[in-house]
PDB file of N, CA and C in Angstrom:
ATOM      1  N   MET A   1       0.846  -1.166   0.000  1.00  0.00           N
ATOM      2  CA  MET A   1       0.000   0.000   0.000  1.00  0.00           C
ATOM      3  C   MET A   1       0.900   1.242   0.000  1.00  0.00           C
ATOM      4  N   SER A   2       0.618   2.173  -0.845  1.00  0.00           N
ATOM      5  CA  SER A   2       1.464   3.364  -0.931  1.00  0.00           C
ATOM      6  C   SER A   2       0.912   4.470  -0.036  1.00  0.00           C
ATOM      7  N   ARG A   3       1.758   5.409   0.232  1.00  0.00           N
ATOM      8  CA  ARG A   3       1.372   6.541   1.078  1.00  0.00           C
ATOM      9  C   ARG A   3       0.431   7.480   0.331  1.00  0.00           C
ATOM     10  N   HIS A   4      -0.323   8.211   1.116  1.00  0.00           N
ATOM     11  CA  HIS A   4      -1.187   9.242   0.557  1.00  0.00           C
ATOM     12  C   HIS A   4      -0.305  10.381   0.067  1.00  0.00           C
ATOM     13  N   ILE A   5      -0.775  11.139  -0.888  1.00  0.00           N
ATOM     14  CA  ILE A   5       0.034  12.216  -1.474  1.00  0.00           C
ATOM     15  C   ILE A   5       0.420  13.267  -0.443  1.00  0.00           C
ATOM     16  N   VAL A   6      -0.401  13.463   0.589  1.00  0.00           N
ATOM     17  CA  VAL A   6      -0.108  14.445   1.628  1.00  0.00           C
ATOM     18  C   VAL A   6       1.001  13.947   2.558  1.00  0.00           C
ATOM     19  N   ASP A   7       1.172  12.638   2.658  1.00  0.00           N
ATOM     20  CA  ASP A   7       2.151  12.068   3.568  1.00  0.00           C
ATOM     21  C   ASP A   7       3.578  12.100   3.035  1.00  0.00           C
ATOM     22  N   HIS A   8       3.786  12.511   1.816  1.00  0.00           N
ATOM     23  CA  HIS A   8       5.131  12.599   1.261  1.00  0.00           C
ATOM     24  C   HIS A   8       5.782  13.908   1.683  1.00  0.00           C
ATOM     25  N   ARG A   9       7.093  13.842   1.914  1.00  0.00           N
ATOM     26  CA  ARG A   9       7.827  15.047   2.302  1.00  0.00           C
ATOM     27  C   ARG A   9       7.927  16.012   1.136  1.00  0.00           C
ATOM     28  N   LYS A  10       7.987  17.270   1.476  1.00  0.00           N
ATOM     29  CA  LYS A  10       8.158  18.306   0.462  1.00  0.00           C
ATOM     30  C   LYS A  10       9.608  18.295  -0.020  1.00  0.00           C
ATOM     31  N   SER A  11       9.817  18.738  -1.224  1.00  0.00           N
ATOM     32  CA  SER A  11      11.182  18.814  -1.727  1.00  0.00           C
ATOM     33  C   SER A  11      11.891  19.984  -1.046  1.00  0.00           C
ATOM     34  N   PRO A  12      13.178  19.856  -0.737  1.00  0.00           N
ATOM     35  CA  PRO A  12      13.901  20.894  -0.004  1.00  0.00           C
ATOM     36  C   PRO A  12      14.378  22.039  -0.908  1.00  0.00           C
ATOM     37  N   GLU A  13      13.597  22.397  -1.902  1.00  0.00           N
ATOM     38  CA  GLU A  13      14.034  23.438  -2.833  1.00  0.00           C
ATOM     39  C   GLU A  13      13.759  24.838  -2.312  1.00  0.00           C
ATOM     40  N   GLY A  14      12.919  24.985  -1.305  1.00  0.00           N
ATOM     41  CA  GLY A  14      12.638  26.303  -0.765  1.00  0.00           C
ATOM     42  C   GLY A  14      11.786  27.124  -1.712  1.00  0.00           C
ATOM     43  N   GLY A  15      10.615  26.657  -2.023  1.00  0.00           N
ATOM     44  CA  GLY A  15       9.747  27.311  -2.993  1.00  0.00           C
ATOM     45  C   GLY A  15       9.369  28.726  -2.614  1.00  0.00           C
ATOM     46  N   ARG A  16       9.041  28.939  -1.332  1.00  0.00           N
ATOM     47  CA  ARG A  16       8.648  30.282  -0.912  1.00  0.00           C
ATOM     48  C   ARG A  16       9.816  31.254  -1.041  1.00  0.00           C
ATOM     49  N   LEU A  17      10.987  30.805  -0.611  1.00  0.00           N
ATOM     50  CA  LEU A  17      12.163  31.655  -0.693  1.00  0.00           C
ATOM     51  C   LEU A  17      12.511  31.953  -2.141  1.00  0.00           C
ATOM     52  N   LYS A  18      12.386  30.961  -2.988  1.00  0.00           N
ATOM     53  CA  LYS A  18      12.696  31.141  -4.401  1.00  0.00           C
ATOM     54  C   LYS A  18      11.794  32.209  -5.018  1.00  0.00           C
ATOM     55  N   HIS A  19      10.502  32.154  -4.700  1.00  0.00           N
ATOM     56  CA  HIS A  19       9.572  33.151  -5.228  1.00  0.00           C
ATOM     57  C   HIS A  19       9.846  34.536  -4.652  1.00  0.00           C
ATOM     58  N   PHE A  20      10.206  34.602  -3.364  1.00  0.00           N
ATOM     59  CA  PHE A  20      10.523  35.881  -2.752  1.00  0.00           C
ATOM     60  C   PHE A  20      11.745  36.514  -3.400  1.00  0.00           C
ATOM     61  N   VAL A  21      12.765  35.717  -3.642  1.00  0.00           N
ATOM     62  CA  VAL A  21      13.983  36.231  -4.274  1.00  0.00           C
ATOM     63  C   VAL A  21      13.681  36.704  -5.696  1.00  0.00           C
ATOM     64  N   ALA A  22      12.854  35.959  -6.408  1.00  0.00           N
ATOM     65  CA  ALA A  22      12.486  36.372  -7.763  1.00  0.00           C
ATOM     66  C   ALA A  22      11.735  37.694  -7.741  1.00  0.00           C
ATOM     67  N   LEU A  23      10.841  37.881  -6.779  1.00  0.00           N
ATOM     68  CA  LEU A  23      10.127  39.152  -6.666  1.00  0.00           C
ATOM     69  C   LEU A  23      11.070  40.292  -6.329  1.00  0.00           C
ATOM     70  N   GLU A  24      12.005  40.040  -5.411  1.00  0.00           N
ATOM     71  CA  GLU A  24      12.964  41.076  -5.045  1.00  0.00           C
ATOM     72  C   GLU A  24      13.828  41.478  -6.244  1.00  0.00           C
ATOM     73  N   LYS A  25      14.187  40.506  -7.052  1.00  0.00           N
ATOM     74  CA  LYS A  25      15.005  40.820  -8.223  1.00  0.00           C
ATOM     75  C   LYS A  25      14.219  41.599  -9.263  1.00  0.00           C
ATOM     76  N   SER A  26      12.958  41.203  -9.483  1.00  0.00           N
ATOM     77  CA  SER A  26      12.169  41.860 -10.526  1.00  0.00           C
ATOM     78  C   SER A  26      11.607  43.204 -10.076  1.00  0.00           C
ATOM     79  N   HIS A  27      11.238  43.315  -8.805  1.00  0.00           N
ATOM     80  CA  HIS A  27      10.668  44.563  -8.305  1.00  0.00           C
ATOM     81  C   HIS A  27      11.547  45.123  -7.200  1.00  0.00           C
ATOM     82  N   GLY A  28      12.817  44.983  -7.335  1.00  0.00           N
ATOM     83  CA  GLY A  28      13.779  45.365  -6.307  1.00  0.00           C
ATOM     84  C   GLY A  28      13.853  46.857  -6.082  1.00  0.00           C
ATOM     85  N   GLU A  29      15.014  47.330  -5.720  1.00  0.00           N
ATOM     86  CA  GLU A  29      15.204  48.705  -5.284  1.00  0.00           C
ATOM     87  C   GLU A  29      14.811  49.726  -6.342  1.00  0.00           C
ATOM     88  N   GLU A  30      15.119  49.452  -7.592  1.00  0.00           N
ATOM     89  CA  GLU A  30      14.818  50.453  -8.612  1.00  0.00           C
ATOM     90  C   GLU A  30      13.322  50.579  -8.873  1.00  0.00           C
ATOM     91  N   GLY A  31      12.539  49.539  -8.557  1.00  0.00           N
ATOM     92  CA  GLY A  31      11.116  49.583  -8.822  1.00  0.00           C
ATOM     93  C   GLY A  31      10.280  49.916  -7.600  1.00  0.00           C
ATOM     94  N   SER A  32      10.896  49.991  -6.434  1.00  0.00           N
ATOM     95  CA  SER A  32      10.154  50.221  -5.209  1.00  0.00           C
ATOM     96  C   SER A  32       9.884  51.697  -4.994  1.00  0.00           C
ATOM     97  N   HIS A  33       8.818  51.964  -4.279  1.00  0.00           N
ATOM     98  CA  HIS A  33       8.512  53.329  -3.872  1.00  0.00           C
ATOM     99  C   HIS A  33       9.487  53.711  -2.765  1.00  0.00           C
ATOM    100  N   PRO A  34       9.954  54.955  -2.724  1.00  0.00           N
ATOM    101  CA  PRO A  34      10.934  55.340  -1.693  1.00  0.00           C
ATOM    102  C   PRO A  34      10.445  55.109  -0.262  1.00  0.00           C
ATOM    103  N   ALA A  35       9.149  55.291  -0.018  1.00  0.00           N
ATOM    104  CA  ALA A  35       8.628  55.076   1.336  1.00  0.00           C
ATOM    105  C   ALA A  35       8.687  53.598   1.705  1.00  0.00           C
ATOM    106  N   ALA A  36       8.357  52.730   0.763  1.00  0.00           N
ATOM    107  CA  ALA A  36       8.415  51.300   1.030  1.00  0.00           C
ATOM    108  C   ALA A  36       9.858  50.858   1.245  1.00  0.00           C
ATOM    109  N   ARG A  37      10.772  51.401   0.487  1.00  0.00           N
ATOM    110  CA  ARG A  37      12.188  51.072   0.651  1.00  0.00           C
ATOM    111  C   ARG A  37      12.689  51.535   2.009  1.00  0.00           C
ATOM    112  N   ALA A  38      12.266  52.729   2.459  1.00  0.00           N
ATOM    113  CA  ALA A  38      12.689  53.241   3.762  1.00  0.00           C
ATOM    114  C   ALA A  38      12.156  52.363   4.897  1.00  0.00           C
ATOM    115  N   LEU A  39      10.921  51.886   4.787  1.00  0.00           N
ATOM    116  CA  LEU A  39      10.366  51.003   5.800  1.00  0.00           C
ATOM    117  C   LEU A  39      11.104  49.676   5.838  1.00  0.00           C
ATOM    118  N   HIS A  40      11.495  49.195   4.693  1.00  0.00           N
ATOM    119  CA  HIS A  40      12.196  47.919   4.610  1.00  0.00           C
ATOM    120  C   HIS A  40      13.592  48.003   5.216  1.00  0.00           C
ATOM    121  N   GLU A  41      14.221  49.143   5.121  1.00  0.00           N
ATOM    122  CA  GLU A  41      15.608  49.295   5.559  1.00  0.00           C
ATOM    123  C   GLU A  41      15.764  49.808   6.984  1.00  0.00           C
ATOM    124  N   ARG A  42      14.676  50.298   7.597  1.00  0.00           N
ATOM    125  CA  ARG A  42      14.839  50.897   8.918  1.00  0.00           C
ATOM    126  C   ARG A  42      15.080  49.831   9.982  1.00  0.00           C
ATOM    127  N   ALA A  43      15.751  50.240  11.020  1.00  0.00           N
ATOM    128  CA  ALA A  43      16.073  49.325  12.108  1.00  0.00           C
ATOM    129  C   ALA A  43      14.840  49.111  12.984  1.00  0.00           C
ATOM    130  N   VAL A  44      14.740  47.929  13.538  1.00  0.00           N
ATOM    131  CA  VAL A  44      13.626  47.614  14.421  1.00  0.00           C
ATOM    132  C   VAL A  44      13.982  48.093  15.819  1.00  0.00           C
ATOM    133  N   THR A  45      13.111  48.910  16.401  1.00  0.00           N
ATOM    134  CA  THR A  45      13.346  49.394  17.762  1.00  0.00           C
ATOM    135  C   THR A  45      12.269  48.818  18.664  1.00  0.00           C
ATOM    136  N   ARG A  46      12.705  48.253  19.755  1.00  0.00           N
ATOM    137  CA  ARG A  46      11.784  47.681  20.721  1.00  0.00           C
ATOM    138  C   ARG A  46      12.155  48.171  22.111  1.00  0.00           C
ATOM    139  N   GLU A  47      11.144  48.400  22.890  1.00  0.00           N
ATOM    140  CA  GLU A  47      11.366  48.821  24.264  1.00  0.00           C
ATOM    141  C   GLU A  47      11.643  47.572  25.108  1.00  0.00           C
ATOM    142  N   LYS A  48      12.795  47.519  25.732  1.00  0.00           N
ATOM    143  CA  LYS A  48      13.183  46.329  26.486  1.00  0.00           C
ATOM    144  C   LYS A  48      12.338  46.161  27.737  1.00  0.00           C
ATOM    145  N   SER A  49      11.889  47.257  28.319  1.00  0.00           N
ATOM    146  CA  SER A  49      11.088  47.131  29.535  1.00  0.00           C
ATOM    147  C   SER A  49       9.717  46.536  29.235  1.00  0.00           C
ATOM    148  N   ALA A  50       9.223  46.675  28.010  1.00  0.00           N
ATOM    149  CA  ALA A  50       7.924  46.113  27.652  1.00  0.00           C
ATOM    150  C   ALA A  50       7.979  44.592  27.698  1.00  0.00           C
ATOM    151  N   LYS A  51       9.077  44.016  27.232  1.00  0.00           N
ATOM    152  CA  LYS A  51       9.227  42.556  27.256  1.00  0.00           C
ATOM    153  C   LYS A  51       9.267  42.056  28.699  1.00  0.00           C
ATOM    154  N   LEU A  52      10.014  42.748  29.546  1.00  0.00           N
ATOM    155  CA  LEU A  52      10.101  42.376  30.949  1.00  0.00           C
ATOM    156  C   LEU A  52       8.730  42.497  31.606  1.00  0.00           C
ATOM    157  N   ARG A  53       8.003  43.557  31.293  1.00  0.00           N
ATOM    158  CA  ARG A  53       6.671  43.767  31.854  1.00  0.00           C
ATOM    159  C   ARG A  53       5.737  42.609  31.489  1.00  0.00           C
ATOM    160  N   GLU A  54       5.822  42.111  30.260  1.00  0.00           N
ATOM    161  CA  GLU A  54       4.977  40.999  29.838  1.00  0.00           C
ATOM    162  C   GLU A  54       5.355  39.710  30.557  1.00  0.00           C
ATOM    163  N   TYR A  55       6.659  39.453  30.738  1.00  0.00           N
ATOM    164  CA  TYR A  55       7.083  38.259  31.464  1.00  0.00           C
ATOM    165  C   TYR A  55       6.598  38.299  32.910  1.00  0.00           C
ATOM    166  N   VAL A  56       6.676  39.461  33.541  1.00  0.00           N
ATOM    167  CA  VAL A  56       6.221  39.598  34.922  1.00  0.00           C
ATOM    168  C   VAL A  56       4.713  39.396  35.004  1.00  0.00           C
ATOM    169  N   ARG A  57       3.986  39.921  34.039  1.00  0.00           N
ATOM    170  CA  ARG A  57       2.529  39.764  34.002  1.00  0.00           C
ATOM    171  C   ARG A  57       2.162  38.284  33.898  1.00  0.00           C
ATOM    172  N   ILE A  58       2.854  37.551  33.047  1.00  0.00           N
ATOM    173  CA  ILE A  58       2.577  36.129  32.867  1.00  0.00           C
ATOM    174  C   ILE A  58       2.926  35.377  34.161  1.00  0.00           C
ATOM    175  N   GLU A  59       4.034  35.743  34.779  1.00  0.00           N
ATOM    176  CA  GLU A  59       4.454  35.068  36.000  1.00  0.00           C
ATOM    177  C   GLU A  59       3.437  35.279  37.131  1.00  0.00           C
ATOM    178  N   ARG A  60       2.846  36.461  37.200  1.00  0.00           N
ATOM    179  CA  ARG A  60       1.825  36.741  38.213  1.00  0.00           C
ATOM    180  C   ARG A  60       0.526  36.002  37.942  1.00  0.00           C
ATOM    181  N   GLY A  61       0.325  35.586  36.678  1.00  0.00           N
ATOM    182  CA  GLY A  61      -0.895  34.869  36.325  1.00  0.00           C
ATOM    183  C   GLY A  61      -1.984  35.772  35.770  1.00  0.00           C
ATOM    184  N   ASP A  62      -1.653  37.028  35.503  1.00  0.00           N
ATOM    185  CA  ASP A  62      -2.636  37.937  34.910  1.00  0.00           C
ATOM    186  C   ASP A  62      -2.897  37.540  33.467  1.00  0.00           C
ATOM    187  N   THR A  63      -4.131  37.645  33.047  1.00  0.00           N
ATOM    188  CA  THR A  63      -4.471  37.364  31.660  1.00  0.00           C
ATOM    189  C   THR A  63      -4.700  38.669  30.931  1.00  0.00           C
ATOM    190  N   ALA A  64      -4.494  38.638  29.658  1.00  0.00           N
ATOM    191  CA  ALA A  64      -4.608  39.854  28.846  1.00  0.00           C
ATOM    192  C   ALA A  64      -6.041  40.276  28.674  1.00  0.00           C
TER     193      ALA A  64
END
């Protein structure tokens, strides 16, 4: 008895990544809007105390 088609492993070709790279190449920097490019390149800033506050809230047993 053979396996169902869903039970077979996916090929390790990275289909999603391949499509993303193709989009970046075709609609890359020269085709992007300057605002979208600025959002893509900006650094992520996070407040460190917010993470600590959430851990303390969970430890106390408070629910959101």
